[in-house]
């Protein structure tokens, strides 16, 4: 792994960590999401400090270029994260629909009671 890529990985991971810590202090990110991004940046740091680990893993899988392995690895992690976020958004969407229906029913019952009086 080239020195430029190692420096870039360290820089990106540090920027990500600082950004997430700033968002935590502003209470704009949930803890579960923050943990993911801190682990993500820690993985970047580990792979940049120990490039032999990425070389070994890429050879183990059969990928000839370490850079391609790193990109593939992080694209996979981000795809998994995106899928999990999609599941959470779908669950939230269903809860919003249920709450909207419940509010509409409650308002309808109130209007019906008021019209009877």
Protein backbone atom coordinates (compact mmCIF):
# COMPACT_ATOMS: atom_id res chain seq x y z
CA UNK A 1 0.00 0.00 0.00
CA UNK A 2 1.45 3.34 -0.99
CA UNK A 3 2.36 6.00 1.53
CA UNK A 4 -0.08 8.45 -0.06
CA UNK A 5 -2.98 6.02 0.40
CA UNK A 6 -1.96 5.35 4.01
CA UNK A 7 -1.86 9.08 4.77
CA UNK A 8 -5.20 9.57 3.02
CA UNK A 9 -6.78 6.75 5.05
CA UNK A 10 -5.50 8.19 8.32
CA UNK A 11 -6.68 11.69 7.37
CA UNK A 12 -10.17 10.53 6.35
CA UNK A 13 -10.57 8.44 9.48
CA UNK A 14 -9.50 11.29 11.75
CA UNK A 15 -11.82 13.74 10.00
CA UNK A 16 -14.68 11.25 10.31
CA UNK A 17 -13.99 10.76 14.02
CA UNK A 18 -13.82 14.49 14.71
CA UNK A 19 -17.00 15.11 12.73
CA UNK A 20 -18.89 12.39 14.60
CA UNK A 21 -17.70 13.59 18.01
CA UNK A 22 -18.82 17.10 17.08
CA UNK A 23 -22.26 15.77 16.08
CA UNK A 24 -22.53 13.80 19.34
CA UNK A 25 -21.88 16.94 21.35
CA UNK A 26 -24.58 18.75 19.36
CA UNK A 27 -26.95 15.79 19.98
CA UNK A 28 -27.68 15.43 16.29
CA UNK A 29 -26.75 11.75 15.89
CA UNK A 30 -27.98 8.68 17.71
CA UNK A 31 -25.41 6.73 19.67
CA UNK A 32 -25.92 3.56 17.59
CA UNK A 33 -25.05 5.41 14.39
CA UNK A 34 -22.08 7.07 16.02
CA UNK A 35 -20.68 3.74 17.17
CA UNK A 36 -20.81 2.47 13.58
CA UNK A 37 -18.92 5.49 12.23
CA UNK A 38 -16.30 5.39 14.98
CA UNK A 39 -15.69 1.69 14.30
CA UNK A 40 -15.55 2.52 10.58
CA UNK A 41 -12.90 5.17 11.15
CA UNK A 42 -11.00 2.85 13.51
CA UNK A 43 -10.90 0.22 10.75
CA UNK A 44 -9.47 2.84 8.41
CA UNK A 45 -6.78 3.69 10.95
CA UNK A 46 -5.93 0.02 11.55
CA UNK A 47 -5.61 -0.68 7.83
CA UNK A 48 -3.46 2.40 7.32
CA UNK A 49 -1.16 1.65 10.26
CA UNK A 50 -0.87 -2.05 9.45
CA UNK A 51 -0.90 -2.26 5.64
CA UNK A 52 0.36 -5.84 5.80
CA UNK A 53 -3.04 -6.82 7.21
CA UNK A 54 -4.79 -5.52 4.11
CA UNK A 55 -2.19 -7.22 1.90
CA UNK A 56 -2.68 -10.52 3.71
CA UNK A 57 -6.49 -10.31 3.50
CA UNK A 58 -6.43 -9.39 -0.19
CA UNK A 59 -4.11 -12.33 -0.94
CA UNK A 60 -6.32 -14.61 1.14
CA UNK A 61 -9.41 -13.67 -0.87
CA UNK A 62 -7.52 -13.67 -4.17
CA UNK A 63 -7.65 -9.96 -4.96
CA UNK A 64 -4.38 -8.93 -6.57
CA UNK A 65 -4.42 -5.27 -5.62
CA UNK A 66 -4.60 -4.23 -1.97
CA UNK A 67 -6.26 -0.94 -2.91
CA UNK A 68 -9.03 -2.84 -4.69
CA UNK A 69 -9.53 -4.97 -1.58
CA UNK A 70 -9.81 -1.89 0.63
CA UNK A 71 -12.34 -0.29 -1.69
CA UNK A 72 -14.32 -3.53 -1.99
CA UNK A 73 -14.25 -4.08 1.77
CA UNK A 74 -15.52 -0.61 2.63
CA UNK A 75 -18.09 -0.60 -0.16
CA UNK A 76 -19.44 -3.84 1.29
CA UNK A 77 -19.57 -2.37 4.81
CA UNK A 78 -21.35 0.74 3.54
CA UNK A 79 -23.85 -1.36 1.58
CA UNK A 80 -24.67 -3.35 4.72
CA UNK A 81 -25.10 -0.09 6.64
CA UNK A 82 -27.34 1.30 3.91
CA UNK A 83 -29.48 -1.86 4.00
CA UNK A 84 -29.84 -1.62 7.78
CA UNK A 85 -30.79 2.04 7.49
CA UNK A 86 -33.37 1.15 4.82
CA UNK A 87 -34.90 -1.41 7.17
CA UNK A 88 -35.02 1.17 9.97
CA UNK A 89 -36.59 3.77 7.66
CA UNK A 90 -39.24 1.26 6.59
CA UNK A 91 -40.04 0.47 10.22
CA UNK A 92 -40.29 4.17 11.02
CA UNK A 93 -42.50 4.73 7.99
CA UNK A 94 -44.87 2.00 9.19
CA UNK A 95 -44.96 3.53 12.68
CA UNK A 96 -45.73 6.95 11.20
CA UNK A 97 -48.60 5.48 9.19
CA UNK A 98 -49.99 3.74 12.28
CA UNK A 99 -49.74 6.93 14.33
CA UNK A 100 -51.36 8.96 11.57
CA UNK A 101 -54.25 6.48 11.39
CA UNK A 102 -54.62 6.51 15.16
CA UNK A 103 -54.66 10.31 15.29
CA UNK A 104 -57.23 10.44 12.48
CA UNK A 105 -59.46 7.93 14.27
CA UNK A 106 -59.16 9.83 17.56
CA UNK A 107 -60.00 13.14 15.87
CA UNK A 108 -62.93 11.53 14.08
CA UNK A 109 -64.25 10.11 17.38
CA UNK A 110 -63.92 13.54 19.04
CA UNK A 111 -65.80 15.22 16.21
CA UNK A 112 -68.48 12.54 16.37
CA UNK A 113 -68.89 12.97 20.13
CA UNK A 114 -69.08 16.75 19.78
CA UNK A 115 -71.74 16.50 17.06
CA UNK A 116 -73.85 14.21 19.30
CA UNK A 117 -73.83 16.74 22.12
